[in-house]
Protein backbone atom coordinates (compact mmCIF):
# COMPACT_ATOMS: atom_id res chain seq x y z
CA UNK A 1 -32.40 9.85 20.08
CA UNK A 2 -34.19 12.33 17.52
CA UNK A 3 -36.38 9.86 15.78
CA UNK A 4 -35.44 7.93 12.68
CA UNK A 5 -31.82 8.43 11.79
CA UNK A 6 -30.16 6.64 8.27
CA UNK A 7 -27.28 4.86 9.32
CA UNK A 8 -24.12 5.36 7.13
CA UNK A 9 -23.23 3.60 4.26
CA UNK A 10 -21.51 0.36 5.29
CA UNK A 11 -19.53 0.29 1.93
CA UNK A 12 -18.09 4.13 3.10
CA UNK A 13 -17.61 2.75 6.77
CA UNK A 14 -15.87 -0.27 5.73
CA UNK A 15 -13.78 2.02 3.33
CA UNK A 16 -12.52 4.80 6.08
CA UNK A 17 -12.10 2.03 8.67
CA UNK A 18 -9.74 0.03 6.06
CA UNK A 19 -7.86 3.54 5.33
CA UNK A 20 -7.59 4.84 8.84
CA UNK A 21 -6.19 1.09 10.01
CA UNK A 22 -3.66 1.16 7.35
CA UNK A 23 -2.71 4.86 8.16
CA UNK A 24 -1.91 3.95 11.78
CA UNK A 25 -0.06 0.30 10.12
CA UNK A 26 -2.46 -1.56 12.94
CA UNK A 27 -1.28 -4.72 11.43
CA UNK A 28 2.28 -3.75 11.71
CA UNK A 29 1.93 -2.77 15.76
CA UNK A 30 5.81 -3.61 16.38
CA UNK A 31 5.38 -2.88 20.22
CA UNK A 32 2.39 -5.63 20.79
CA UNK A 33 4.07 -7.92 18.52
CA UNK A 34 7.00 -7.85 20.83
CA UNK A 35 5.37 -7.68 24.16
CA UNK A 36 1.71 -9.80 23.72
CA UNK A 37 1.84 -13.66 23.02
CA UNK A 38 -0.69 -14.45 20.41
CA UNK A 39 -2.80 -16.20 22.85
CA UNK A 40 -3.33 -13.64 25.62
CA UNK A 41 -6.75 -12.71 26.14
CA UNK A 42 -7.95 -8.86 27.12
CA UNK A 43 -10.81 -7.31 28.41
CA UNK A 44 -12.00 -3.69 28.64
CA UNK A 45 -14.74 -1.04 28.72
CA UNK A 46 -15.46 2.21 26.92
CA UNK A 47 -15.08 4.94 29.51
CA UNK A 48 -17.02 8.32 28.75
CA UNK A 49 -14.54 10.85 30.76
CA UNK A 50 -16.73 13.34 29.38
CA UNK A 51 -20.72 13.82 29.05
CA UNK A 52 -22.07 13.66 26.07
CA UNK A 53 -23.88 12.02 23.19
CA UNK A 54 -22.64 8.40 22.26
CA UNK A 55 -21.92 8.09 18.60
CA UNK A 56 -19.85 6.09 16.55
CA UNK A 57 -20.35 2.14 17.87
CA UNK A 58 -20.66 0.61 14.57
CA UNK A 59 -17.68 2.20 13.18
CA UNK A 60 -15.91 1.09 16.38
CA UNK A 61 -17.41 -2.57 15.73
CA UNK A 62 -15.92 -2.38 12.06
CA UNK A 63 -12.71 -1.60 13.45
CA UNK A 64 -12.33 -4.46 15.85
CA UNK A 65 -13.81 -6.72 13.19
CA UNK A 66 -11.27 -5.96 10.68
CA UNK A 67 -8.61 -6.57 13.10
CA UNK A 68 -9.57 -9.85 14.52
CA UNK A 69 -13.00 -11.54 13.94
CA UNK A 70 -12.25 -12.98 17.86
CA UNK A 71 -13.01 -9.37 19.21
CA UNK A 72 -16.62 -9.47 20.63
CA UNK A 73 -17.87 -6.04 21.40
CA UNK A 74 -20.95 -5.58 23.52
CA UNK A 75 -22.84 -2.49 23.27
CA UNK A 76 -24.32 -1.31 26.55
CA UNK A 77 -25.83 2.07 25.07
CA UNK A 78 -26.20 2.91 21.52
CA UNK A 79 -25.54 6.04 19.45
CA UNK A 80 -27.97 8.81 20.56
CA UNK A 81 -27.95 7.97 24.34
CA UNK A 82 -26.51 10.46 26.48
CA UNK A 83 -23.62 9.80 28.86
CA UNK A 84 -22.45 11.48 32.02
CA UNK A 85 -18.93 11.45 33.01
CA UNK A 86 -17.41 8.42 34.44
CA UNK A 87 -20.41 5.99 32.57
CA UNK A 88 -19.53 3.27 30.10
CA UNK A 89 -20.74 2.68 26.52
CA UNK A 90 -19.56 -0.62 25.82
CA UNK A 91 -17.54 -3.75 26.83
CA UNK A 92 -15.10 -5.64 25.13
CA UNK A 93 -13.00 -8.92 25.15
CA UNK A 94 -11.19 -11.18 23.00
CA UNK A 95 -7.21 -11.36 21.96
CA UNK A 96 -5.30 -8.78 23.73
CA UNK A 97 -3.02 -7.90 21.10
CA UNK A 98 -5.75 -7.20 18.44
CA UNK A 99 -7.59 -5.10 20.89
CA UNK A 100 -4.33 -3.22 21.68
CA UNK A 101 -3.50 -2.84 17.86
CA UNK A 102 -6.98 -1.27 17.04
CA UNK A 103 -8.06 1.02 20.14
CA UNK A 104 -6.64 4.09 18.92
CA UNK A 105 -8.55 3.67 15.66
CA UNK A 106 -11.40 3.03 17.18
CA UNK A 107 -11.19 5.65 19.90
CA UNK A 108 -10.38 8.31 17.43
CA UNK A 109 -13.71 7.83 15.52
CA UNK A 110 -15.87 7.53 18.30
CA UNK A 111 -13.98 10.53 19.91
CA UNK A 112 -14.59 12.85 16.63
CA UNK A 113 -18.09 11.44 16.24
CA UNK A 114 -19.65 11.75 19.68
CA UNK A 115 -18.25 15.23 20.05
CA UNK A 116 -20.25 16.28 17.12
CA UNK A 117 -23.39 14.46 18.19
CA UNK A 118 -22.57 16.60 21.59
CA UNK A 119 -22.22 19.65 19.64
CA UNK A 120 -25.12 19.37 17.53
CA UNK A 121 -27.43 18.29 20.29
CA UNK A 122 -26.43 21.53 22.26
CA UNK A 123 -26.89 23.47 19.37
CA UNK A 124 -30.33 22.38 18.24
CA UNK A 125 -31.62 22.54 21.83
CA UNK A 126 -30.82 25.79 22.05
CA UNK A 127 -32.02 27.02 18.92
CA UNK A 128 -35.25 25.13 20.10
CA UNK A 129 -35.51 27.88 22.86
CA UNK A 130 -35.79 30.78 20.24
CA UNK A 131 -37.93 29.10 17.22
CA UNK A 132 -38.32 26.57 14.79
CA UNK A 133 -35.25 26.64 12.84
CA UNK A 134 -33.71 23.70 11.63
CA UNK A 135 -30.16 23.06 12.13
CA UNK A 136 -27.97 21.81 9.43
CA UNK A 137 -24.38 21.26 8.77
CA UNK A 138 -22.28 22.47 5.84
CA UNK A 139 -19.69 20.96 3.75
CA UNK A 140 -16.63 21.76 6.04
CA UNK A 141 -15.91 18.24 6.80
CA UNK A 142 -12.70 16.58 7.78
CA UNK A 143 -11.48 15.11 4.25
CA UNK A 144 -12.50 11.02 4.07
CA UNK A 145 -14.61 11.34 6.90
CA UNK A 146 -17.80 13.12 5.55
CA UNK A 147 -20.13 10.05 5.83
CA UNK A 148 -19.60 9.41 9.76
CA UNK A 149 -19.61 12.99 10.46
CA UNK A 150 -22.58 13.80 8.96
CA UNK A 151 -24.19 11.15 10.50
CA UNK A 152 -23.10 12.12 14.12
CA UNK A 153 -24.85 15.55 12.90
CA UNK A 154 -28.11 13.29 12.47
CA UNK A 155 -27.45 11.28 15.90
CA UNK A 156 -27.35 14.87 17.27
CA UNK A 157 -30.53 16.08 16.20
CA UNK A 158 -29.42 18.28 12.93
CA UNK A 159 -29.77 18.02 9.53
CA UNK A 160 -27.40 17.57 6.50
CA UNK A 161 -27.12 20.26 3.86
CA UNK A 162 -26.13 19.03 0.71
CA UNK A 163 -23.69 16.18 0.69
CA UNK A 164 -21.78 17.18 -2.58
CA UNK A 165 -21.63 20.07 -5.27
CA UNK A 166 -24.12 17.84 -7.28
CA UNK A 167 -26.51 17.84 -4.75
CA UNK A 168 -28.01 21.54 -5.26
CA UNK A 169 -27.21 24.79 -6.55
CA UNK A 170 -26.01 27.21 -3.93
CA UNK A 171 -24.78 30.41 -5.64
CA UNK A 172 -22.25 31.80 -3.34
CA UNK A 173 -20.65 35.21 -3.27
CA UNK A 174 -17.68 34.21 -5.54
CA UNK A 175 -20.25 33.07 -8.03
CA UNK A 176 -22.12 36.12 -7.97
CA UNK A 177 -19.15 38.19 -8.32
CA UNK A 178 -17.85 36.68 -11.31
CA UNK A 179 -20.98 37.06 -13.15
CA UNK A 180 -21.66 40.57 -11.89
CA UNK A 181 -18.20 41.16 -13.64
CA UNK A 182 -19.57 40.15 -16.97
CA UNK A 183 -22.32 42.67 -16.30
CA UNK A 184 -24.93 39.92 -15.13
CA UNK A 185 -27.87 40.84 -12.54
CA UNK A 186 -29.06 38.56 -9.74
CA UNK A 187 -31.92 37.85 -11.41
CA UNK A 188 -29.98 36.74 -14.48
CA UNK A 189 -27.78 34.51 -12.39
CA UNK A 190 -30.55 32.81 -10.64
CA UNK A 191 -31.71 32.24 -14.22
CA UNK A 192 -29.09 31.05 -15.57
CA UNK A 193 -28.28 28.73 -12.76
CA UNK A 194 -31.86 27.42 -13.06
CA UNK A 195 -31.53 26.53 -16.84
CA UNK A 196 -28.07 24.86 -16.38
CA UNK A 197 -29.70 22.56 -13.62
CA UNK A 198 -32.01 19.70 -12.97
CA UNK A 199 -35.66 20.90 -12.70
CA UNK A 200 -35.66 18.51 -9.18
CA UNK A 201 -33.01 20.59 -7.66
CA UNK A 202 -33.73 24.05 -5.58
CA UNK A 203 -31.96 27.16 -6.56
CA UNK A 204 -30.45 28.35 -3.41
CA UNK A 205 -28.20 31.95 -3.50
CA UNK A 206 -26.12 33.83 -0.78
CA UNK A 207 -27.20 37.50 -0.13
CA UNK A 208 -25.28 39.79 2.49
CA UNK A 209 -28.36 42.49 2.46
CA UNK A 210 -31.79 42.96 2.59
CA UNK A 211 -32.04 44.71 -0.88
CA UNK A 212 -29.81 41.52 -2.53
CA UNK A 213 -32.50 39.18 -0.63
CA UNK A 214 -35.36 41.08 -2.15
CA UNK A 215 -34.08 40.51 -5.70
CA UNK A 216 -33.54 36.96 -4.90
CA UNK A 217 -37.16 36.44 -3.75
CA UNK A 218 -38.27 38.39 -6.93
CA UNK A 219 -36.03 36.20 -8.88
CA UNK A 220 -37.82 33.26 -7.67
CA UNK A 221 -34.95 31.75 -5.48
CA UNK A 222 -36.25 28.54 -3.42
CA UNK A 223 -34.01 29.40 -0.93
CA UNK A 224 -32.08 32.59 0.47
CA UNK A 225 -29.17 32.29 2.40
CA UNK A 226 -28.59 35.25 4.85
CA UNK A 227 -25.02 35.44 4.91
CA UNK A 228 -23.23 37.05 8.10
CA UNK A 229 -26.23 39.22 9.05
CA UNK A 230 -26.91 40.17 12.52
CA UNK A 231 -30.33 38.84 14.07
CA UNK A 232 -32.18 42.18 13.53
CA UNK A 233 -31.52 42.20 9.72
CA UNK A 234 -32.75 38.69 9.56
CA UNK A 235 -35.56 39.68 11.20
CA UNK A 236 -36.68 42.33 8.87
CA UNK A 237 -35.79 40.37 5.57
CA UNK A 238 -37.93 37.26 6.89
CA UNK A 239 -40.83 39.78 8.08
CA UNK A 240 -40.91 41.08 4.80
CA UNK A 241 -41.25 38.40 2.68
CA UNK A 242 -43.68 36.32 5.13
CA UNK A 243 -45.58 34.17 2.83
CA UNK A 244 -43.95 34.10 0.02
CA UNK A 245 -42.46 30.47 -1.29
CA UNK A 246 -39.15 30.73 -0.16
CA UNK A 247 -36.99 29.44 2.62
CA UNK A 248 -34.46 31.57 4.65
CA UNK A 249 -31.28 30.32 5.88
CA UNK A 250 -29.21 32.14 8.29
CA UNK A 251 -25.62 31.51 7.98
CA UNK A 252 -21.98 32.95 9.06
CA UNK A 253 -20.36 32.33 12.61
CA UNK A 254 -23.07 31.22 14.22
CA UNK A 255 -22.51 30.12 17.87
CA UNK A 256 -24.23 28.64 21.04
CA UNK A 257 -24.27 31.95 22.35
CA UNK A 258 -25.97 33.26 19.23
CA UNK A 259 -28.30 30.42 17.74
CA UNK A 260 -31.26 31.22 19.88
CA UNK A 261 -31.24 34.61 18.90
CA UNK A 262 -30.94 33.75 14.94
CA UNK A 263 -33.79 30.98 15.19
CA UNK A 264 -35.95 33.70 17.16
CA UNK A 265 -35.81 35.65 13.46
CA UNK A 266 -38.05 33.16 11.91
CA UNK A 267 -35.40 31.82 9.54
CA UNK A 268 -36.15 28.25 8.41
CA UNK A 269 -32.83 26.87 8.32
CA UNK A 270 -29.59 27.47 10.46
CA UNK A 271 -26.17 26.16 8.74
CA UNK A 272 -23.46 25.64 11.11
CA UNK A 273 -20.15 24.79 9.59
CA UNK A 274 -18.52 24.65 13.43
CA UNK A 275 -20.55 21.14 13.99
CA UNK A 276 -18.05 19.46 11.96
CA UNK A 277 -15.20 21.58 11.72
CA UNK A 278 -14.93 22.81 15.36
CA UNK A 279 -16.28 20.43 17.42
CA UNK A 280 -14.18 19.24 20.30
CA UNK A 281 -13.53 15.30 20.41
CA UNK A 282 -15.45 13.86 23.53
CA UNK A 283 -13.04 12.40 26.09
CA UNK A 284 -13.42 8.73 25.57
CA UNK A 285 -10.82 5.64 27.01
CA UNK A 286 -10.46 2.39 26.65
CA UNK A 287 -9.81 0.69 29.93
CA UNK A 288 -7.80 -2.71 29.15
CA UNK A 289 -6.92 -5.41 31.44
CA UNK A 290 -5.01 -8.61 30.41
CA UNK A 291 -6.89 -12.09 31.48
């Protein structure tokens, strides 16, 4: 595990699971109703066919709990553990019909979350080879699943960027273009943003070259996002402003192959949208047998 990890909001987990079960019509499983008698019991194991970081056990537990209070999930290894292919993360037993009707939703959530945690761990480990930059996610999450996906990032060793649009000021290229159309400078854009937001929020601005970065630092931006710049360009910006009260964040198309070089530039943060929008689901199966 990567230190203390805040668990997801239980109310959000309950909501997400209920919505997923309804989407799958888990309480209207016509196949299981026709073929499995109510009194038949079953048991099974959660088998990791791909190696990776375990994540989503509490979400899976909530799935089974909402379908039947008689299902027992015995967690062998918890979130954050690393399993090799062929290892078992948990065992389950209870009414066979209820297990069959809920397995897909439980697996979907676990596979998605474990995939994100696994990618995040690989990214953070590779970044650490280059420097001390903190890897963060972005708001590029699956609609409705943000709470679980951002938790998975934390399990993998990453940090969360702003969770919603009200959590921080981030002046992006479209904001700048709109303001410049009205004749505003970078300094004026930052000043206006500061006036319009709470004094408790940091002001961050996206820049695309060294000149814009210098203007942003001079105007007092607390965080400057270096968007789609090369490692060499980032390094120049960071070196130019050493010792100044500003954080530099790298972003834009960063991959496992490039993140080490980006971290070596000295940036403080590396935001990676791929953690949540492109992480492949981990291959996990629920091997079930009737009793």
